[in-house]
Protein backbone atom coordinates (compact mmCIF):
# COMPACT_ATOMS: atom_id res chain seq x y z
CA MET A 1 -2.27 -26.25 5.71
CA VAL A 2 -1.13 -23.13 6.50
CA LEU A 3 -4.04 -20.37 5.82
CA ALA A 4 -2.25 -16.98 7.53
CA GLY A 5 0.82 -15.63 6.75
CA LYS A 6 2.62 -12.37 6.38
CA LEU A 7 5.15 -10.79 3.94
CA ILE A 8 7.20 -8.04 4.43
CA SER A 9 9.76 -6.15 2.41
CA GLU A 10 11.94 -3.02 3.06
CA LEU A 11 13.32 -0.67 -0.62
CA GLY A 12 16.36 2.45 0.20
CA ILE A 13 14.63 5.59 -0.92
CA LYS A 14 16.49 8.77 -2.39
CA ALA A 15 13.08 11.07 -1.30
CA SER A 16 13.50 12.58 2.39
CA THR A 17 11.74 10.60 5.19
CA ASP A 18 9.76 13.11 5.71
CA GLU A 19 8.47 14.20 1.97
CA CYS A 20 8.02 10.67 1.38
CA PHE A 21 5.39 9.84 4.62
CA ASN A 22 3.70 13.57 4.04
CA TYR A 23 2.82 12.04 0.25
CA LEU A 24 1.83 8.37 2.01
CA ALA A 25 -0.43 10.14 4.73
CA LYS A 26 -1.94 13.27 2.73
CA GLN A 27 -1.87 13.04 -1.20
CA LEU A 28 -2.42 9.89 -2.02
CA HIS A 29 -5.37 10.60 -3.65
CA GLU A 30 -2.20 12.20 -7.10
CA VAL A 31 -1.34 8.35 -6.68
CA GLN A 32 -2.35 7.20 -10.61
CA ASP A 33 -0.66 10.06 -11.65
CA HIS A 34 2.81 8.78 -10.31
CA CYS A 35 2.61 5.17 -10.19
CA GLU A 36 2.26 3.32 -13.39
CA ARG A 37 0.51 -0.28 -11.98
CA VAL A 38 -1.95 2.27 -10.72
CA HIS A 39 -4.81 2.69 -13.10
CA HIS A 40 -7.55 4.48 -11.04
CA THR A 41 -8.62 5.26 -7.24
CA LYS A 42 -12.02 6.75 -6.51
CA LEU A 43 -13.73 8.15 -3.04
CA HIS A 44 -15.99 5.50 -2.93
CA GLN A 45 -17.52 6.68 0.72
CA GLY A 46 -17.12 9.98 2.34
CA GLU A 47 -15.68 13.07 1.23
CA ASP A 48 -12.03 13.43 2.83
CA TRP A 49 -9.53 10.96 0.68
CA HIS A 50 -7.32 10.73 4.58
CA HIS A 51 -9.69 10.13 6.79
CA SER A 52 -10.56 7.06 8.51
CA ASP A 53 -13.81 6.46 8.02
CA THR A 54 -13.21 7.43 4.08
CA VAL A 55 -13.48 3.64 1.72
CA LYS A 56 -12.14 4.08 -1.57
CA HIS A 57 -11.73 2.39 -4.65
CA TRP A 58 -8.71 1.16 -6.13
CA THR A 59 -8.10 -0.78 -9.74
CA TYR A 60 -4.25 -1.68 -10.25
CA LEU A 61 -1.91 -4.16 -12.33
CA ILE A 62 -0.46 -6.93 -10.49
CA ASP A 63 1.22 -10.35 -12.44
CA GLY A 64 0.32 -8.80 -15.83
CA LYS A 65 -3.74 -8.85 -14.77
CA VAL A 66 -6.60 -6.01 -13.60
CA HIS A 67 -7.61 -6.42 -10.33
CA ASN A 68 -9.86 -3.67 -7.80
CA HIS A 69 -10.50 -3.78 -4.33
CA TYR A 70 -11.39 -1.20 -1.30
CA GLU A 71 -9.25 -0.03 1.33
CA SER A 72 -10.62 1.82 4.69
CA VAL A 73 -7.54 3.49 6.84
CA GLU A 74 -6.99 1.10 10.40
CA GLU A 75 -4.46 3.56 11.59
CA VAL A 76 -2.18 6.47 11.19
CA ASP A 77 1.45 7.24 13.26
CA GLU A 78 2.45 10.01 12.29
CA LYS A 79 5.27 9.90 15.11
CA ASN A 80 6.50 6.96 13.84
CA LYS A 81 5.29 7.20 10.08
CA MET A 82 3.11 4.29 10.26
CA LEU A 83 -0.13 3.57 8.21
CA ARG A 84 -1.83 0.56 8.21
CA TYR A 85 -4.77 0.10 6.28
CA ASN A 86 -7.40 -2.99 5.63
CA LEU A 87 -7.89 -3.83 1.90
CA PHE A 88 -11.77 -5.79 0.93
CA GLY A 89 -13.97 -6.19 -1.10
CA GLY A 90 -13.37 -7.34 -5.00
CA ASP A 91 -10.46 -9.48 -5.94
CA VAL A 92 -8.33 -8.78 -2.58
CA GLY A 93 -12.18 -10.51 -0.73
CA GLU A 94 -12.54 -13.74 -3.01
CA LYS A 95 -9.60 -14.96 -2.29
CA TYR A 96 -8.15 -13.36 1.60
CA LYS A 97 -10.27 -12.92 4.36
CA VAL A 98 -8.07 -10.43 6.36
CA PHE A 99 -5.97 -8.73 3.65
CA LYS A 100 -3.71 -5.78 6.09
CA LEU A 101 -1.38 -3.25 3.97
CA THR A 102 1.19 -1.74 6.68
CA VAL A 103 3.78 0.77 5.08
CA GLU A 104 6.93 2.62 7.78
CA VAL A 105 8.96 5.44 6.36
CA ILE A 106 12.14 4.86 8.60
CA ASP A 107 14.87 6.66 8.90
CA LYS A 108 17.73 4.85 9.45
CA SER A 109 20.69 5.48 11.19
CA ASP A 110 23.95 6.31 8.12
CA GLY A 111 20.50 9.17 6.79
CA SER A 112 19.23 7.06 4.58
CA GLY A 113 15.33 6.25 4.41
CA ALA A 114 13.29 3.57 3.85
CA ILE A 115 9.92 2.35 2.88
CA ARG A 116 8.91 -1.20 5.02
CA TRP A 117 5.51 -3.15 3.89
CA THR A 118 3.86 -5.00 5.82
CA ILE A 119 0.97 -8.08 4.71
CA ASP A 120 -0.67 -9.70 6.44
CA PHE A 121 -3.08 -12.13 4.83
CA GLU A 122 -5.86 -14.82 5.72
CA LYS A 123 -6.28 -17.15 2.91
CA VAL A 124 -10.34 -18.06 2.44
CA ASN A 125 -9.18 -21.27 1.82
CA GLU A 126 -5.82 -23.47 1.63
CA THR A 127 -5.85 -23.66 -2.20
CA ILE A 128 -4.93 -19.69 -2.76
CA ASP A 129 -1.30 -18.33 -3.25
CA PRO A 130 -0.02 -16.15 -0.66
CA PRO A 131 0.07 -12.86 -1.97
CA ASN A 132 3.54 -12.61 -3.15
CA GLY A 133 2.52 -10.21 -6.60
CA TRP A 134 1.91 -7.66 -4.02
CA MET A 135 5.85 -7.80 -3.23
CA ASP A 136 6.14 -6.40 -6.54
CA PHE A 137 3.75 -4.40 -6.97
CA VAL A 138 4.55 -2.22 -3.39
CA THR A 139 8.04 -2.60 -5.16
CA SER A 140 6.83 -0.91 -8.22
CA PHE A 141 4.32 1.27 -6.54
CA THR A 142 7.56 2.46 -4.01
CA ARG A 143 9.72 3.06 -6.59
CA ASP A 144 7.70 5.68 -8.66
CA ILE A 145 6.37 7.29 -5.82
CA ASP A 146 10.30 7.88 -4.55
CA ALA A 147 11.07 8.88 -8.46
CA HIS A 148 8.61 11.35 -8.58
CA LEU A 149 9.92 12.89 -5.56
CA VAL A 150 12.84 13.49 -6.05
CA LYS A 151 12.47 14.90 -9.52
CA PRO A 152 13.76 17.75 -9.98
C-alpha cells in the first residue's frame, strides 16, 4: 500500500546543454509551438513566466487524453542546470497530494548532454496508478525541444 514514489527518466540530447537549459529556464512560454503534446500554456497568476511567484496553467496530452494542471517554479539552480516545479490542481490535483517535477540538464564526461526528469509524487489513495504516462510525456517533450534546438 505505497502511496508515495519517485520516477526517473534520462534521455540523451543533441542540442547543447546551455541552449537546452536556457530554453527550459527562460523560453518555456514558447513550448506549445514546439511540443506536439502541449496544447496550451498561459499565465494564471503573475506577470513573468519564469518568476517563482507565477502560476501557469497547462493543457496537454497524456495516454491519448487531454489533461490540465497548474504549475509554479519551486527552485532554479542555474549553476547545476536544474529546475524544480510544483504541479497542482486540475487532473494532477485529483490524483496526487504531491507532484514535484524536477528537470536537470546534464553535461556528460564524453561531451554529450542529457536531460533527467524526476517525478516525486504522493497519491491521494492506493487505487491511483503511479504517473507512468508522464514518463512517456516527458520523453516526447524532450525529443521535441531537442529537435527544435538543433533545427538548422
